[in-house]
Amino acid sequence: MATQGIPLSAEFDEFAAPLVASGRYANAAEVLHAAMDALLRAEVDEEAYNQACVRAAEEGEASGIAEGDVIARLRAKHGFSTPLSR
């Protein structure tokens, strides 16, 4: 694994210092590594979510135009009461 020195801004250094002092992390590099892991997971989750949305939209478009009161059918199917009249 390649290593490189990455300078931290004062704000990030102030964030990392108590985490290292508490013993949760051995050094600032471990804090940065944990942050990068979290960012990677978030990016992967976001990409999976975006792909699922695209698939759902494509499936919806391919299914054709819905007839009647779709929302009422969904409410009935899933046991939701109708919204209050205004």
N, C-alpha and C. Protein backbone atom coordinates (compact mmCIF):
# COMPACT_ATOMS: atom_id res chain seq x y z
N MET A 1 0.84 -1.17 0.00
CA MET A 1 0.00 0.00 0.00
C MET A 1 0.88 1.24 0.00
N ALA A 2 0.55 2.17 -0.87
CA ALA A 2 1.31 3.40 -0.93
C ALA A 2 0.94 4.31 0.23
N THR A 3 1.93 4.99 0.75
CA THR A 3 1.67 5.96 1.82
C THR A 3 2.09 7.32 1.33
N GLN A 4 1.39 8.32 1.81
CA GLN A 4 1.76 9.68 1.48
C GLN A 4 1.32 10.59 2.62
N GLY A 5 2.06 11.64 2.79
CA GLY A 5 1.70 12.61 3.83
C GLY A 5 0.62 13.54 3.30
N ILE A 6 -0.43 13.69 4.06
CA ILE A 6 -1.51 14.59 3.67
C ILE A 6 -1.66 15.63 4.76
N PRO A 7 -1.41 16.88 4.42
CA PRO A 7 -1.55 17.90 5.45
C PRO A 7 -3.03 18.11 5.79
N LEU A 8 -3.33 18.21 7.07
CA LEU A 8 -4.70 18.46 7.51
C LEU A 8 -4.88 19.93 7.82
N SER A 9 -6.06 20.45 7.48
CA SER A 9 -6.37 21.82 7.86
C SER A 9 -6.47 21.88 9.38
N ALA A 10 -6.40 23.06 9.92
CA ALA A 10 -6.50 23.22 11.37
C ALA A 10 -7.82 22.66 11.88
N GLU A 11 -8.89 22.86 11.13
CA GLU A 11 -10.22 22.37 11.53
C GLU A 11 -10.22 20.85 11.64
N PHE A 12 -9.66 20.16 10.64
CA PHE A 12 -9.62 18.70 10.67
C PHE A 12 -8.66 18.20 11.74
N ASP A 13 -7.58 18.90 11.92
CA ASP A 13 -6.63 18.51 12.96
C ASP A 13 -7.27 18.63 14.34
N GLU A 14 -8.05 19.69 14.55
CA GLU A 14 -8.76 19.88 15.83
C GLU A 14 -9.83 18.80 16.02
N PHE A 15 -10.41 18.32 14.94
CA PHE A 15 -11.40 17.26 15.01
C PHE A 15 -10.72 15.92 15.35
N ALA A 16 -9.59 15.66 14.72
CA ALA A 16 -8.91 14.38 14.90
C ALA A 16 -8.20 14.26 16.25
N ALA A 17 -7.68 15.36 16.75
CA ALA A 17 -6.87 15.32 17.98
C ALA A 17 -7.59 14.66 19.16
N PRO A 18 -8.82 15.03 19.48
CA PRO A 18 -9.47 14.38 20.63
C PRO A 18 -9.77 12.89 20.38
N LEU A 19 -10.00 12.51 19.13
CA LEU A 19 -10.24 11.11 18.81
C LEU A 19 -8.98 10.29 19.06
N VAL A 20 -7.84 10.86 18.72
CA VAL A 20 -6.56 10.19 18.97
C VAL A 20 -6.27 10.19 20.47
N ALA A 21 -6.49 11.33 21.12
CA ALA A 21 -6.21 11.43 22.56
C ALA A 21 -7.07 10.47 23.38
N SER A 22 -8.29 10.20 22.90
CA SER A 22 -9.19 9.29 23.63
C SER A 22 -8.76 7.83 23.49
N GLY A 23 -7.87 7.56 22.54
CA GLY A 23 -7.44 6.19 22.31
C GLY A 23 -8.28 5.46 21.29
N ARG A 24 -9.31 6.12 20.80
CA ARG A 24 -10.18 5.49 19.79
C ARG A 24 -9.40 5.20 18.51
N TYR A 25 -8.49 6.09 18.18
CA TYR A 25 -7.62 5.91 17.01
C TYR A 25 -6.19 6.12 17.45
N ALA A 26 -5.27 5.42 16.79
CA ALA A 26 -3.86 5.52 17.18
C ALA A 26 -3.22 6.82 16.72
N ASN A 27 -3.72 7.34 15.58
CA ASN A 27 -3.13 8.56 15.03
C ASN A 27 -4.10 9.18 14.03
N ALA A 28 -3.71 10.35 13.51
CA ALA A 28 -4.58 11.07 12.57
C ALA A 28 -4.79 10.27 11.28
N ALA A 29 -3.81 9.46 10.90
CA ALA A 29 -3.95 8.66 9.69
C ALA A 29 -5.10 7.66 9.84
N GLU A 30 -5.26 7.08 11.03
CA GLU A 30 -6.37 6.16 11.26
C GLU A 30 -7.71 6.88 11.21
N VAL A 31 -7.76 8.11 11.72
CA VAL A 31 -8.99 8.91 11.64
C VAL A 31 -9.32 9.17 10.17
N LEU A 32 -8.33 9.55 9.40
CA LEU A 32 -8.53 9.81 7.98
C LEU A 32 -8.97 8.53 7.25
N HIS A 33 -8.38 7.41 7.61
CA HIS A 33 -8.75 6.13 7.00
C HIS A 33 -10.22 5.80 7.29
N ALA A 34 -10.65 6.01 8.54
CA ALA A 34 -12.05 5.75 8.91
C ALA A 34 -12.98 6.68 8.14
N ALA A 35 -12.56 7.93 7.99
CA ALA A 35 -13.38 8.89 7.24
C ALA A 35 -13.49 8.48 5.77
N MET A 36 -12.41 8.01 5.20
CA MET A 36 -12.43 7.58 3.80
C MET A 36 -13.30 6.33 3.64
N ASP A 37 -13.24 5.41 4.60
CA ASP A 37 -14.12 4.23 4.57
C ASP A 37 -15.58 4.64 4.59
N ALA A 38 -15.92 5.60 5.47
CA ALA A 38 -17.30 6.07 5.57
C ALA A 38 -17.73 6.75 4.27
N LEU A 39 -16.85 7.53 3.68
CA LEU A 39 -17.16 8.19 2.41
C LEU A 39 -17.37 7.18 1.31
N LEU A 40 -16.53 6.16 1.26
CA LEU A 40 -16.67 5.11 0.25
C LEU A 40 -18.00 4.39 0.40
N ARG A 41 -18.36 4.04 1.64
CA ARG A 41 -19.66 3.38 1.87
C ARG A 41 -20.81 4.28 1.43
N ALA A 42 -20.73 5.55 1.76
CA ALA A 42 -21.79 6.50 1.38
C ALA A 42 -21.90 6.61 -0.14
N GLU A 43 -20.76 6.66 -0.82
CA GLU A 43 -20.77 6.77 -2.28
C GLU A 43 -21.36 5.51 -2.90
N VAL A 44 -20.99 4.35 -2.38
CA VAL A 44 -21.51 3.09 -2.90
C VAL A 44 -23.01 3.01 -2.65
N ASP A 45 -23.45 3.39 -1.44
CA ASP A 45 -24.88 3.38 -1.12
C ASP A 45 -25.64 4.35 -2.03
N GLU A 46 -25.08 5.52 -2.26
CA GLU A 46 -25.75 6.51 -3.11
C GLU A 46 -25.85 6.00 -4.54
N GLU A 47 -24.80 5.38 -5.04
CA GLU A 47 -24.82 4.84 -6.40
C GLU A 47 -25.85 3.73 -6.53
N ALA A 48 -25.91 2.85 -5.53
CA ALA A 48 -26.90 1.77 -5.55
C ALA A 48 -28.31 2.35 -5.52
N TYR A 49 -28.52 3.38 -4.71
CA TYR A 49 -29.82 4.04 -4.63
C TYR A 49 -30.19 4.67 -5.97
N ASN A 50 -29.24 5.35 -6.57
CA ASN A 50 -29.49 5.99 -7.87
C ASN A 50 -29.83 4.95 -8.93
N GLN A 51 -29.12 3.84 -8.95
CA GLN A 51 -29.41 2.78 -9.91
C GLN A 51 -30.80 2.18 -9.67
N ALA A 52 -31.17 2.00 -8.41
CA ALA A 52 -32.50 1.47 -8.09
C ALA A 52 -33.58 2.43 -8.55
N CYS A 53 -33.35 3.73 -8.38
CA CYS A 53 -34.34 4.73 -8.83
C CYS A 53 -34.48 4.71 -10.34
N VAL A 54 -33.36 4.60 -11.05
CA VAL A 54 -33.42 4.54 -12.51
C VAL A 54 -34.18 3.30 -12.95
N ARG A 55 -33.89 2.15 -12.34
CA ARG A 55 -34.61 0.91 -12.70
C ARG A 55 -36.10 1.05 -12.42
N ALA A 56 -36.45 1.63 -11.27
CA ALA A 56 -37.87 1.79 -10.92
C ALA A 56 -38.56 2.72 -11.91
N ALA A 57 -37.90 3.79 -12.29
CA ALA A 57 -38.49 4.72 -13.26
C ALA A 57 -38.67 4.04 -14.61
N GLU A 58 -37.68 3.27 -15.03
CA GLU A 58 -37.78 2.56 -16.31
C GLU A 58 -38.91 1.53 -16.27
N GLU A 59 -39.02 0.79 -15.16
CA GLU A 59 -40.10 -0.18 -15.02
C GLU A 59 -41.46 0.50 -15.04
N GLY A 60 -41.55 1.64 -14.37
CA GLY A 60 -42.80 2.39 -14.35
C GLY A 60 -43.19 2.86 -15.73
N GLU A 61 -42.25 3.41 -16.46
CA GLU A 61 -42.53 3.87 -17.82
C GLU A 61 -42.91 2.71 -18.72
N ALA A 62 -42.25 1.59 -18.57
CA ALA A 62 -42.52 0.43 -19.41
C ALA A 62 -43.89 -0.20 -19.10
N SER A 63 -44.41 0.05 -17.91
CA SER A 63 -45.69 -0.58 -17.53
C SER A 63 -46.90 0.09 -18.15
N GLY A 64 -46.71 1.25 -18.72
CA GLY A 64 -47.82 1.94 -19.38
C GLY A 64 -48.51 2.93 -18.46
N ILE A 65 -49.57 3.51 -18.98
CA ILE A 65 -50.31 4.53 -18.24
C ILE A 65 -51.31 3.85 -17.31
N ALA A 66 -51.32 4.28 -16.07
CA ALA A 66 -52.23 3.70 -15.07
C ALA A 66 -53.63 4.26 -15.26
N GLU A 67 -54.60 3.42 -15.02
CA GLU A 67 -56.00 3.81 -15.13
C GLU A 67 -56.61 3.98 -13.75
N GLY A 68 -57.56 4.88 -13.61
CA GLY A 68 -58.29 5.06 -12.36
C GLY A 68 -57.49 5.77 -11.29
N ASP A 69 -57.91 5.62 -10.07
CA ASP A 69 -57.30 6.29 -8.91
C ASP A 69 -56.21 5.39 -8.32
N VAL A 70 -55.01 5.55 -8.81
CA VAL A 70 -53.89 4.71 -8.39
C VAL A 70 -53.59 4.89 -6.91
N ILE A 71 -53.63 6.11 -6.44
CA ILE A 71 -53.32 6.38 -5.03
C ILE A 71 -54.34 5.70 -4.12
N ALA A 72 -55.60 5.75 -4.46
CA ALA A 72 -56.63 5.09 -3.64
C ALA A 72 -56.39 3.58 -3.61
N ARG A 73 -56.01 3.00 -4.74
CA ARG A 73 -55.73 1.55 -4.77
C ARG A 73 -54.53 1.21 -3.89
N LEU A 74 -53.50 2.04 -3.94
CA LEU A 74 -52.33 1.81 -3.10
C LEU A 74 -52.68 1.93 -1.62
N ARG A 75 -53.46 2.95 -1.29
CA ARG A 75 -53.89 3.13 0.11
C ARG A 75 -54.66 1.91 0.58
N ALA A 76 -55.58 1.41 -0.23
CA ALA A 76 -56.38 0.25 0.15
C ALA A 76 -55.50 -0.99 0.26
N LYS A 77 -54.60 -1.17 -0.68
CA LYS A 77 -53.74 -2.35 -0.69
C LYS A 77 -52.86 -2.42 0.56
N HIS A 78 -52.38 -1.26 1.01
CA HIS A 78 -51.44 -1.22 2.13
C HIS A 78 -52.10 -0.81 3.45
N GLY A 79 -53.44 -0.73 3.45
CA GLY A 79 -54.16 -0.49 4.69
C GLY A 79 -54.12 0.93 5.21
N PHE A 80 -53.86 1.90 4.35
CA PHE A 80 -53.86 3.30 4.80
C PHE A 80 -55.26 3.87 4.63
N SER A 81 -55.65 4.69 5.58
CA SER A 81 -56.94 5.35 5.45
C SER A 81 -56.82 6.48 4.44
N THR A 82 -57.95 6.92 3.95
CA THR A 82 -57.93 8.02 2.99
C THR A 82 -57.58 9.29 3.74
N PRO A 83 -56.96 10.24 3.07
CA PRO A 83 -56.59 11.49 3.75
C PRO A 83 -57.85 12.28 4.12
N LEU A 84 -57.73 13.10 5.14
CA LEU A 84 -58.85 13.94 5.56
C LEU A 84 -59.18 14.97 4.49
N SER A 85 -60.43 15.24 4.31
CA SER A 85 -60.86 16.27 3.35
C SER A 85 -60.52 17.63 3.92
N ARG A 86 -60.23 18.53 3.05
CA ARG A 86 -59.90 19.89 3.50
C ARG A 86 -61.10 20.76 3.44
